[in-house]
Amino acid sequence: MSVEITVSEGGMPHNKVLAIGLVGSLVCIYLTYMNTLANTQLFAFFGGLAAVFALWWGTDTIKHLCSYGLGTGVPSAGMIALGSGVIAMVLATKLSSMNMIPVSSVLIIPIGCVVIGAILGAILGYIANNIVNMNIPVMVVSLAELCIVGAITILGLATMVSGSFAFADLVTGSSTFFGVEVANYQSSVIGGGVIAVIFMLGAIAVQHAFNACLGPNESQDRTLMLAAECGFLSMITVAIMSFAFISFTAAVVSFIISAIGWVYTYKQYLVMSKRDAFMWLDAKPIREKEA
């Protein structure tokens, strides 16, 4: 027996969710480049918004993948998304300094995350289907999507902390030694281990919404609203960490935007939860696939 979880009645098609999530996250990532153009750090919060878009999309991808009865696979899907995503993200940030490609601008990094993430995710999906023999029709496509989601989520939140998605800014910090500012790799996002916290924030956020809403009365808008709420909650944590890396004003702006987004999405989630609870006064059986 396998559980069939179809698109919720009146729900948005997955391809539309994918398009909105992908385009929205890339646009927000590129908007953080205004920090470089304007010599400021005030636009770092756009990195967090990019992560919210990616997590929102990733939640629907997990629902799509787990419609094949992978109930216990929801948390593991989040882990493989961020586990493979961090590899794609680190490699993508190095693209601008490699001589293997003709483009040396850091602007290639977000697109690099998408391309490398898609390739890596497809490879993992192939292994899962053909070597581990999971034989799930959407495995390759879904893991490709989740790897992209993981890469963009980590890149976005790391950019929110440091104010830049350039590799040099992610691995190099600074500290004062006898009044002289010197480079200190341990004071950076990657060298200081902040990326590990970002990894866990993203992995929990991308799988929690569907894991929490899973059931016969699951509705897509409520699940995706919870996904956005988890994204903004992660942004709050990252905004607090950013006080150690970017200017006080920029960190405050990030925190305020994160808090506003979280309060709004949390209230909306409660409204939708009460709506669904009222509409489903008695339990209904989970639909089963015909043999």
C-alpha atoms as a PDB file:
ATOM      1  CA  MET A   1       0.000   0.000   0.000  1.00  0.00           C
ATOM      2  CA  SER A   2       1.207   3.504  -0.773  1.00  0.00           C
ATOM      3  CA  VAL A   3      -0.309   6.809   0.187  1.00  0.00           C
ATOM      4  CA  GLU A   4      -1.311   9.167  -2.586  1.00  0.00           C
ATOM      5  CA  ILE A   5      -1.033  12.847  -1.805  1.00  0.00           C
ATOM      6  CA  THR A   6      -2.362  14.786  -4.748  1.00  0.00           C
ATOM      7  CA  VAL A   7      -2.422  18.532  -5.340  1.00  0.00           C
ATOM      8  CA  SER A   8      -4.789  20.071  -2.830  1.00  0.00           C
ATOM      9  CA  GLU A   9      -8.134  21.189  -4.173  1.00  0.00           C
ATOM     10  CA  GLY A  10      -7.697  24.619  -5.700  1.00  0.00           C
ATOM     11  CA  GLY A  11      -3.958  24.362  -5.158  1.00  0.00           C
ATOM     12  CA  MET A  12      -1.251  25.930  -7.264  1.00  0.00           C
ATOM     13  CA  PRO A  13       0.434  23.617  -9.813  1.00  0.00           C
ATOM     14  CA  HIS A  14       3.919  22.592  -8.762  1.00  0.00           C
ATOM     15  CA  ASN A  15       5.536  24.030 -11.885  1.00  0.00           C
ATOM     16  CA  LYS A  16       4.122  27.440 -11.024  1.00  0.00           C
ATOM     17  CA  VAL A  17       5.472  27.169  -7.483  1.00  0.00           C
ATOM     18  CA  LEU A  18       8.836  26.187  -8.963  1.00  0.00           C
ATOM     19  CA  ALA A  19       8.874  29.180 -11.311  1.00  0.00           C
ATOM     20  CA  ILE A  20       7.937  31.676  -8.604  1.00  0.00           C
ATOM     21  CA  GLY A  21      10.407  30.217  -6.129  1.00  0.00           C
ATOM     22  CA  LEU A  22      13.305  30.046  -8.577  1.00  0.00           C
ATOM     23  CA  VAL A  23      12.830  33.480 -10.127  1.00  0.00           C
ATOM     24  CA  GLY A  24      12.020  35.145  -6.809  1.00  0.00           C
ATOM     25  CA  SER A  25      15.058  33.708  -5.057  1.00  0.00           C
ATOM     26  CA  LEU A  26      17.447  34.615  -7.872  1.00  0.00           C
ATOM     27  CA  VAL A  27      16.110  38.168  -8.095  1.00  0.00           C
ATOM     28  CA  CYS A  28      16.534  38.642  -4.345  1.00  0.00           C
ATOM     29  CA  ILE A  29      20.071  37.224  -4.417  1.00  0.00           C
ATOM     30  CA  TYR A  30      21.049  39.619  -7.175  1.00  0.00           C
ATOM     31  CA  LEU A  31      19.490  42.531  -5.283  1.00  0.00           C
ATOM     32  CA  THR A  32      22.055  41.963  -2.529  1.00  0.00           C
ATOM     33  CA  TYR A  33      24.698  43.007  -5.068  1.00  0.00           C
ATOM     34  CA  MET A  34      23.475  46.564  -4.495  1.00  0.00           C
ATOM     35  CA  ASN A  35      25.632  46.397  -1.367  1.00  0.00           C
ATOM     36  CA  THR A  36      28.688  46.310  -3.617  1.00  0.00           C
ATOM     37  CA  LEU A  37      27.384  48.937  -6.023  1.00  0.00           C
ATOM     38  CA  ALA A  38      26.369  51.375  -3.277  1.00  0.00           C
ATOM     39  CA  ASN A  39      29.208  50.506  -0.876  1.00  0.00           C
ATOM     40  CA  THR A  40      26.775  49.615   1.891  1.00  0.00           C
ATOM     41  CA  GLN A  41      25.393  46.555   3.679  1.00  0.00           C
ATOM     42  CA  LEU A  42      21.773  47.655   4.028  1.00  0.00           C
ATOM     43  CA  PHE A  43      20.553  45.295   1.319  1.00  0.00           C
ATOM     44  CA  ALA A  44      21.809  42.135   3.021  1.00  0.00           C
ATOM     45  CA  PHE A  45      18.249  41.224   4.041  1.00  0.00           C
ATOM     46  CA  PHE A  46      17.450  40.369   0.417  1.00  0.00           C
ATOM     47  CA  GLY A  47      19.582  37.258   0.914  1.00  0.00           C
ATOM     48  CA  GLY A  48      17.168  36.105   3.589  1.00  0.00           C
ATOM     49  CA  LEU A  49      14.193  36.793   1.335  1.00  0.00           C
ATOM     50  CA  ALA A  50      15.868  34.673  -1.347  1.00  0.00           C
ATOM     51  CA  ALA A  51      16.052  31.833   1.170  1.00  0.00           C
ATOM     52  CA  VAL A  52      12.352  32.256   2.002  1.00  0.00           C
ATOM     53  CA  PHE A  53      11.430  31.944  -1.682  1.00  0.00           C
ATOM     54  CA  ALA A  54      13.631  28.849  -2.005  1.00  0.00           C
ATOM     55  CA  LEU A  55      12.229  27.204   1.130  1.00  0.00           C
ATOM     56  CA  TRP A  56       8.673  27.948  -0.019  1.00  0.00           C
ATOM     57  CA  TRP A  57       9.405  26.215  -3.321  1.00  0.00           C
ATOM     58  CA  GLY A  58      11.314  23.371  -1.649  1.00  0.00           C
ATOM     59  CA  THR A  59       8.401  22.569   0.638  1.00  0.00           C
ATOM     60  CA  ASP A  60       6.146  21.933  -2.343  1.00  0.00           C
ATOM     61  CA  THR A  61       8.875  19.827  -3.955  1.00  0.00           C
ATOM     62  CA  ILE A  62       9.082  17.662  -0.829  1.00  0.00           C
ATOM     63  CA  LYS A  63       5.314  17.221  -0.930  1.00  0.00           C
ATOM     64  CA  HIS A  64       5.577  16.235  -4.593  1.00  0.00           C
ATOM     65  CA  LEU A  65       8.344  13.718  -3.842  1.00  0.00           C
ATOM     66  CA  CYS A  66       6.767  12.257  -0.730  1.00  0.00           C
ATOM     67  CA  SER A  67       3.446  11.653  -2.486  1.00  0.00           C
ATOM     68  CA  TYR A  68       4.901   8.211  -3.168  1.00  0.00           C
ATOM     69  CA  GLY A  69       4.536   7.098   0.432  1.00  0.00           C
ATOM     70  CA  LEU A  70       7.817   8.445   1.809  1.00  0.00           C
ATOM     71  CA  GLY A  71       6.265   9.562   5.083  1.00  0.00           C
ATOM     72  CA  THR A  72       9.450   8.995   7.069  1.00  0.00           C
ATOM     73  CA  GLY A  73      11.477  10.465   4.227  1.00  0.00           C
ATOM     74  CA  VAL A  74      10.338  14.049   4.770  1.00  0.00           C
ATOM     75  CA  PRO A  75      13.100  14.972   7.271  1.00  0.00           C
ATOM     76  CA  SER A  76      15.729  13.108   5.250  1.00  0.00           C
ATOM     77  CA  ALA A  77      14.663  15.027   2.143  1.00  0.00           C
ATOM     78  CA  GLY A  78      15.455  18.244   3.993  1.00  0.00           C
ATOM     79  CA  MET A  79      18.862  16.953   5.012  1.00  0.00           C
ATOM     80  CA  ILE A  80      19.839  15.777   1.544  1.00  0.00           C
ATOM     81  CA  ALA A  81      18.612  19.087   0.103  1.00  0.00           C
ATOM     82  CA  LEU A  82      20.919  21.146   2.296  1.00  0.00           C
ATOM     83  CA  GLY A  83      23.701  18.543   2.388  1.00  0.00           C
ATOM     84  CA  SER A  84      24.022  18.518  -1.382  1.00  0.00           C
ATOM     85  CA  GLY A  85      23.149  22.204  -1.582  1.00  0.00           C
ATOM     86  CA  VAL A  86      26.089  23.303   0.541  1.00  0.00           C
ATOM     87  CA  ILE A  87      28.455  21.499  -1.837  1.00  0.00           C
ATOM     88  CA  ALA A  88      26.873  23.197  -4.845  1.00  0.00           C
ATOM     89  CA  MET A  89      26.928  26.566  -3.091  1.00  0.00           C
ATOM     90  CA  VAL A  90      30.613  26.436  -2.107  1.00  0.00           C
ATOM     91  CA  LEU A  91      31.642  25.293  -5.576  1.00  0.00           C
ATOM     92  CA  ALA A  92      29.495  27.983  -7.215  1.00  0.00           C
ATOM     93  CA  THR A  93      31.074  30.746  -5.130  1.00  0.00           C
ATOM     94  CA  LYS A  94      34.474  29.684  -6.475  1.00  0.00           C
ATOM     95  CA  LEU A  95      33.385  29.965 -10.102  1.00  0.00           C
ATOM     96  CA  SER A  96      34.310  33.629 -10.414  1.00  0.00           C
ATOM     97  CA  SER A  97      37.943  32.895  -9.497  1.00  0.00           C
ATOM     98  CA  MET A  98      38.358  29.803 -11.671  1.00  0.00           C
ATOM     99  CA  ASN A  99      40.054  29.972 -15.038  1.00  0.00           C
ATOM    100  CA  MET A 100      37.839  27.172 -16.327  1.00  0.00           C
ATOM    101  CA  ILE A 101      35.079  29.568 -17.376  1.00  0.00           C
ATOM    102  CA  PRO A 102      35.299  32.784 -19.415  1.00  0.00           C
ATOM    103  CA  VAL A 103      33.171  34.784 -16.958  1.00  0.00           C
ATOM    104  CA  SER A 104      35.064  36.046 -13.912  1.00  0.00           C
ATOM    105  CA  SER A 105      32.365  38.267 -12.376  1.00  0.00           C
ATOM    106  CA  VAL A 106      30.806  37.303  -9.049  1.00  0.00           C
ATOM    107  CA  LEU A 107      27.439  37.724 -10.760  1.00  0.00           C
ATOM    108  CA  ILE A 108      27.867  34.210 -12.151  1.00  0.00           C
ATOM    109  CA  ILE A 109      27.590  32.746  -8.636  1.00  0.00           C
ATOM    110  CA  PRO A 110      23.768  32.585  -8.210  1.00  0.00           C
ATOM    111  CA  ILE A 111      23.302  31.053 -11.662  1.00  0.00           C
ATOM    112  CA  GLY A 112      26.172  28.708 -10.856  1.00  0.00           C
ATOM    113  CA  CYS A 113      24.282  27.535  -7.778  1.00  0.00           C
ATOM    114  CA  VAL A 114      21.320  26.607  -9.952  1.00  0.00           C
ATOM    115  CA  VAL A 115      23.354  24.796 -12.610  1.00  0.00           C
ATOM    116  CA  ILE A 116      25.661  22.916 -10.242  1.00  0.00           C
ATOM    117  CA  GLY A 117      22.783  22.132  -7.894  1.00  0.00           C
ATOM    118  CA  ALA A 118      20.692  20.702 -10.731  1.00  0.00           C
ATOM    119  CA  ILE A 119      23.549  18.495 -11.931  1.00  0.00           C
ATOM    120  CA  LEU A 120      24.477  17.260  -8.455  1.00  0.00           C
ATOM    121  CA  GLY A 121      20.851  16.644  -7.502  1.00  0.00           C
ATOM    122  CA  ALA A 122      20.196  14.712 -10.706  1.00  0.00           C
ATOM    123  CA  ILE A 123      23.211  12.497  -9.995  1.00  0.00           C
ATOM    124  CA  LEU A 124      21.958  11.800  -6.469  1.00  0.00           C
ATOM    125  CA  GLY A 125      18.494  11.068  -7.828  1.00  0.00           C
ATOM    126  CA  TYR A 126      19.935   8.624 -10.345  1.00  0.00           C
ATOM    127  CA  ILE A 127      21.865   6.859  -7.581  1.00  0.00           C
ATOM    128  CA  ALA A 128      18.750   6.677  -5.393  1.00  0.00           C
ATOM    129  CA  ASN A 129      16.651   5.206  -8.180  1.00  0.00           C
ATOM    130  CA  ASN A 130      19.096   2.931  -9.978  1.00  0.00           C
ATOM    131  CA  ILE A 131      21.552   1.853  -7.284  1.00  0.00           C
ATOM    132  CA  VAL A 132      19.523   2.073  -4.076  1.00  0.00           C
ATOM    133  CA  ASN A 133      16.512   0.902  -6.134  1.00  0.00           C
ATOM    134  CA  MET A 134      13.950   3.303  -4.686  1.00  0.00           C
ATOM    135  CA  ASN A 135      12.265   3.422  -8.124  1.00  0.00           C
ATOM    136  CA  ILE A 136      10.352   6.665  -7.612  1.00  0.00           C
ATOM    137  CA  PRO A 137       9.405   8.322 -10.925  1.00  0.00           C
ATOM    138  CA  VAL A 138       9.992  11.902  -9.737  1.00  0.00           C
ATOM    139  CA  MET A 139      13.132  11.155  -7.711  1.00  0.00           C
ATOM    140  CA  VAL A 140      15.670  12.583 -10.170  1.00  0.00           C
ATOM    141  CA  VAL A 141      13.734  15.777 -10.857  1.00  0.00           C
ATOM    142  CA  SER A 142      12.802  16.286  -7.206  1.00  0.00           C
ATOM    143  CA  LEU A 143      16.339  15.853  -5.889  1.00  0.00           C
ATOM    144  CA  ALA A 144      17.620  18.181  -8.591  1.00  0.00           C
ATOM    145  CA  GLU A 145      15.119  20.786  -7.385  1.00  0.00           C
ATOM    146  CA  LEU A 146      15.937  20.191  -3.725  1.00  0.00           C
ATOM    147  CA  CYS A 147      19.663  20.535  -4.322  1.00  0.00           C
ATOM    148  CA  ILE A 148      19.048  23.893  -6.017  1.00  0.00           C
ATOM    149  CA  VAL A 149      16.798  24.896  -3.117  1.00  0.00           C
ATOM    150  CA  GLY A 150      19.500  23.952  -0.627  1.00  0.00           C
ATOM    151  CA  ALA A 151      22.206  25.823  -2.523  1.00  0.00           C
ATOM    152  CA  ILE A 152      20.146  29.008  -2.835  1.00  0.00           C
ATOM    153  CA  THR A 153      19.007  28.812   0.791  1.00  0.00           C
ATOM    154  CA  ILE A 154      22.556  28.570   2.109  1.00  0.00           C
ATOM    155  CA  LEU A 155      23.840  31.217  -0.302  1.00  0.00           C
ATOM    156  CA  GLY A 156      20.995  33.563   0.626  1.00  0.00           C
ATOM    157  CA  LEU A 157      21.362  33.212   4.389  1.00  0.00           C
ATOM    158  CA  ALA A 158      25.162  33.390   4.157  1.00  0.00           C
ATOM    159  CA  THR A 159      24.807  36.585   2.132  1.00  0.00           C
ATOM    160  CA  MET A 160      22.447  37.955   4.757  1.00  0.00           C
ATOM    161  CA  VAL A 161      25.116  37.385   7.408  1.00  0.00           C
ATOM    162  CA  SER A 162      28.097  38.742   5.494  1.00  0.00           C
ATOM    163  CA  GLY A 163      26.457  41.207   3.106  1.00  0.00           C
ATOM    164  CA  SER A 164      28.070  39.567   0.063  1.00  0.00           C
ATOM    165  CA  PHE A 165      27.970  36.281  -1.831  1.00  0.00           C
ATOM    166  CA  ALA A 166      31.573  36.514  -3.055  1.00  0.00           C
ATOM    167  CA  PHE A 167      33.742  33.618  -1.892  1.00  0.00           C
ATOM    168  CA  ALA A 168      36.443  35.904  -0.492  1.00  0.00           C
ATOM    169  CA  ASP A 169      33.913  37.693   1.721  1.00  0.00           C
ATOM    170  CA  LEU A 170      32.494  34.404   2.985  1.00  0.00           C
ATOM    171  CA  VAL A 171      35.858  32.943   4.023  1.00  0.00           C
ATOM    172  CA  THR A 172      37.684  36.063   5.204  1.00  0.00           C
ATOM    173  CA  GLY A 173      36.868  38.077   8.295  1.00  0.00           C
ATOM    174  CA  SER A 174      38.883  40.637  10.197  1.00  0.00           C
ATOM    175  CA  SER A 175      40.031  41.289  13.727  1.00  0.00           C
ATOM    176  CA  THR A 176      41.968  44.059  15.426  1.00  0.00           C
ATOM    177  CA  PHE A 177      45.475  43.330  16.677  1.00  0.00           C
ATOM    178  CA  PHE A 178      47.140  46.178  18.597  1.00  0.00           C
ATOM    179  CA  GLY A 179      44.916  48.647  16.806  1.00  0.00           C
ATOM    180  CA  VAL A 180      45.630  47.181  13.371  1.00  0.00           C
ATOM    181  CA  GLU A 181      42.891  45.400  11.435  1.00  0.00           C
ATOM    182  CA  VAL A 182      44.140  42.086  10.071  1.00  0.00           C
ATOM    183  CA  ALA A 183      42.509  39.280   8.112  1.00  0.00           C
ATOM    184  CA  ASN A 184      41.133  36.485  10.256  1.00  0.00           C
ATOM    185  CA  TYR A 185      39.597  33.468   8.565  1.00  0.00           C
ATOM    186  CA  GLN A 186      38.082  32.219  11.814  1.00  0.00           C
ATOM    187  CA  SER A 187      35.969  35.372  11.957  1.00  0.00           C
ATOM    188  CA  SER A 188      34.268  34.593   8.646  1.00  0.00           C
ATOM    189  CA  VAL A 189      30.953  32.933   7.809  1.00  0.00           C
ATOM    190  CA  ILE A 190      32.577  29.723   6.607  1.00  0.00           C
ATOM    191  CA  GLY A 191      35.720  29.723   8.734  1.00  0.00           C
ATOM    192  CA  GLY A 192      33.806  30.551  11.899  1.00  0.00           C
ATOM    193  CA  GLY A 193      31.312  27.728  11.418  1.00  0.00           C
ATOM    194  CA  VAL A 194      28.309  30.005  10.932  1.00  0.00           C
ATOM    195  CA  ILE A 195      27.534  28.102   7.753  1.00  0.00           C
ATOM    196  CA  ALA A 196      26.883  25.013   9.903  1.00  0.00           C
ATOM    197  CA  VAL A 197      24.143  26.875  11.762  1.00  0.00           C
ATOM    198  CA  ILE A 198      22.730  28.055   8.435  1.00  0.00           C
ATOM    199  CA  PHE A 199      22.780  24.453   7.215  1.00  0.00           C
ATOM    200  CA  MET A 200      20.626  23.270  10.119  1.00  0.00           C
ATOM    201  CA  LEU A 201      18.265  26.241   9.920  1.00  0.00           C
ATOM    202  CA  GLY A 202      17.626  25.534   6.253  1.00  0.00           C
ATOM    203  CA  ALA A 203      17.366  21.754   6.634  1.00  0.00           C
ATOM    204  CA  ILE A 204      14.772  22.046   9.395  1.00  0.00           C
ATOM    205  CA  ALA A 205      12.829  24.818   7.670  1.00  0.00           C
ATOM    206  CA  VAL A 206      12.513  23.092   4.295  1.00  0.00           C
ATOM    207  CA  GLN A 207      11.055  19.881   5.717  1.00  0.00           C
ATOM    208  CA  HIS A 208       9.111  21.070   8.739  1.00  0.00           C
ATOM    209  CA  ALA A 209       6.105  22.604   6.998  1.00  0.00           C
ATOM    210  CA  PHE A 210       4.956  19.512   5.121  1.00  0.00           C
ATOM    211  CA  ASN A 211       5.990  17.247   7.995  1.00  0.00           C
ATOM    212  CA  ALA A 212       3.773  19.277  10.329  1.00  0.00           C
ATOM    213  CA  CYS A 213       0.809  19.636   7.966  1.00  0.00           C
ATOM    214  CA  LEU A 214       0.898  16.110   6.509  1.00  0.00           C
ATOM    215  CA  GLY A 215      -2.453  14.373   6.780  1.00  0.00           C
ATOM    216  CA  PRO A 216      -5.799  13.884   5.055  1.00  0.00           C
ATOM    217  CA  ASN A 217      -6.760  17.513   5.678  1.00  0.00           C
ATOM    218  CA  GLU A 218      -3.505  19.009   4.394  1.00  0.00           C
ATOM    219  CA  SER A 219      -4.049  22.119   2.290  1.00  0.00           C
ATOM    220  CA  GLN A 220      -1.419  23.629   0.043  1.00  0.00           C
ATOM    221  CA  ASP A 221      -1.872  27.254   1.047  1.00  0.00           C
ATOM    222  CA  ARG A 222      -1.560  26.416   4.750  1.00  0.00           C
ATOM    223  CA  THR A 223       1.521  24.258   4.168  1.00  0.00           C
ATOM    224  CA  LEU A 224       3.238  26.902   2.056  1.00  0.00           C
ATOM    225  CA  MET A 225       2.341  29.635   4.539  1.00  0.00           C
ATOM    226  CA  LEU A 226       4.020  27.599   7.267  1.00  0.00           C
ATOM    227  CA  ALA A 227       7.030  27.199   4.971  1.00  0.00           C
ATOM    228  CA  ALA A 228       7.279  30.974   4.626  1.00  0.00           C
ATOM    229  CA  GLU A 229       6.902  31.347   8.393  1.00  0.00           C
ATOM    230  CA  CYS A 230       9.772  28.907   8.946  1.00  0.00           C
ATOM    231  CA  GLY A 231      11.840  30.868   6.455  1.00  0.00           C
ATOM    232  CA  PHE A 232      11.285  34.164   8.251  1.00  0.00           C
ATOM    233  CA  LEU A 233      11.974  32.501  11.600  1.00  0.00           C
ATOM    234  CA  SER A 234      15.315  31.339  10.205  1.00  0.00           C
ATOM    235  CA  MET A 235      15.906  34.894   8.984  1.00  0.00           C
ATOM    236  CA  ILE A 236      15.471  36.195  12.532  1.00  0.00           C
ATOM    237  CA  THR A 237      18.195  33.868  13.789  1.00  0.00           C
ATOM    238  CA  VAL A 238      20.496  34.803  10.927  1.00  0.00           C
ATOM    239  CA  ALA A 239      19.798  38.510  11.464  1.00  0.00           C
ATOM    240  CA  ILE A 240      20.953  38.156  15.069  1.00  0.00           C
ATOM    241  CA  MET A 241      24.154  36.435  13.929  1.00  0.00           C
ATOM    242  CA  SER A 242      24.743  39.162  11.352  1.00  0.00           C
ATOM    243  CA  PHE A 243      25.420  41.716  14.111  1.00  0.00           C
ATOM    244  CA  ALA A 244      28.896  40.172  14.349  1.00  0.00           C
ATOM    245  CA  PHE A 245      29.645  40.598  10.646  1.00  0.00           C
ATOM    246  CA  ILE A 246      27.896  43.625   9.152  1.00  0.00           C
ATOM    247  CA  SER A 247      27.099  47.141  10.316  1.00  0.00           C
ATOM    248  CA  PHE A 248      24.714  47.642  13.216  1.00  0.00           C
ATOM    249  CA  THR A 249      22.205  49.523  11.058  1.00  0.00           C
ATOM    250  CA  ALA A 250      22.156  46.839   8.366  1.00  0.00           C
ATOM    251  CA  ALA A 251      21.685  44.108  10.963  1.00  0.00           C
ATOM    252  CA  VAL A 252      18.813  46.017  12.580  1.00  0.00           C
ATOM    253  CA  VAL A 253      17.121  46.452   9.194  1.00  0.00           C
ATOM    254  CA  SER A 254      17.457  42.713   8.549  1.00  0.00           C
ATOM    255  CA  PHE A 255      16.048  41.889  11.972  1.00  0.00           C
ATOM    256  CA  ILE A 256      13.048  44.214  11.622  1.00  0.00           C
ATOM    257  CA  ILE A 257      12.131  42.885   8.172  1.00  0.00           C
ATOM    258  CA  SER A 258      12.535  39.306   9.407  1.00  0.00           C
ATOM    259  CA  ALA A 259      10.344  39.947  12.443  1.00  0.00           C
ATOM    260  CA  ILE A 260       7.618  41.644  10.394  1.00  0.00           C
ATOM    261  CA  GLY A 261       7.598  38.776   7.905  1.00  0.00           C
ATOM    262  CA  TRP A 262       7.457  36.185  10.673  1.00  0.00           C
ATOM    263  CA  VAL A 263       4.601  37.871  12.561  1.00  0.00           C
ATOM    264  CA  TYR A 264       2.539  38.224   9.376  1.00  0.00           C
ATOM    265  CA  THR A 265       3.057  34.649   8.152  1.00  0.00           C
ATOM    266  CA  TYR A 266       2.504  33.187  11.625  1.00  0.00           C
ATOM    267  CA  LYS A 267      -0.811  35.008  12.002  1.00  0.00           C
ATOM    268  CA  GLN A 268      -1.885  33.907   8.537  1.00  0.00           C
ATOM    269  CA  TYR A 269      -0.941  30.325   9.346  1.00  0.00           C
ATOM    270  CA  LEU A 270      -3.100  30.406  12.476  1.00  0.00           C
ATOM    271  CA  VAL A 271      -6.027  31.756  10.468  1.00  0.00           C
ATOM    272  CA  MET A 272      -5.658  28.977   7.891  1.00  0.00           C
ATOM    273  CA  SER A 273      -5.275  26.335  10.603  1.00  0.00           C
ATOM    274  CA  LYS A 274      -8.536  27.435  12.235  1.00  0.00           C
ATOM    275  CA  ARG A 275     -10.215  27.475   8.828  1.00  0.00           C
ATOM    276  CA  ASP A 276      -9.142  23.921   8.050  1.00  0.00           C
ATOM    277  CA  ALA A 277     -10.023  22.702  11.540  1.00  0.00           C
ATOM    278  CA  PHE A 278     -13.536  24.089  11.126  1.00  0.00           C
ATOM    279  CA  MET A 279     -13.973  22.537   7.676  1.00  0.00           C
ATOM    280  CA  TRP A 280     -12.820  19.088   8.813  1.00  0.00           C
ATOM    281  CA  LEU A 281     -14.921  18.308  11.847  1.00  0.00           C
ATOM    282  CA  ASP A 282     -14.464  14.569  11.439  1.00  0.00           C
ATOM    283  CA  ALA A 283     -11.543  12.513  10.197  1.00  0.00           C
ATOM    284  CA  LYS A 284     -11.569  11.274   6.634  1.00  0.00           C
ATOM    285  CA  PRO A 285      -9.656   8.255   5.349  1.00  0.00           C
ATOM    286  CA  ILE A 286      -6.451   8.686   3.388  1.00  0.00           C
ATOM    287  CA  ARG A 287      -6.994   7.769  -0.236  1.00  0.00           C
ATOM    288  CA  GLU A 288      -5.200   4.644  -1.360  1.00  0.00           C
ATOM    289  CA  LYS A 289      -3.913   3.862  -4.815  1.00  0.00           C
ATOM    290  CA  GLU A 290      -5.682   1.143  -6.685  1.00  0.00           C
ATOM    291  CA  ALA A 291      -3.646  -2.036  -7.015  1.00  0.00           C
END
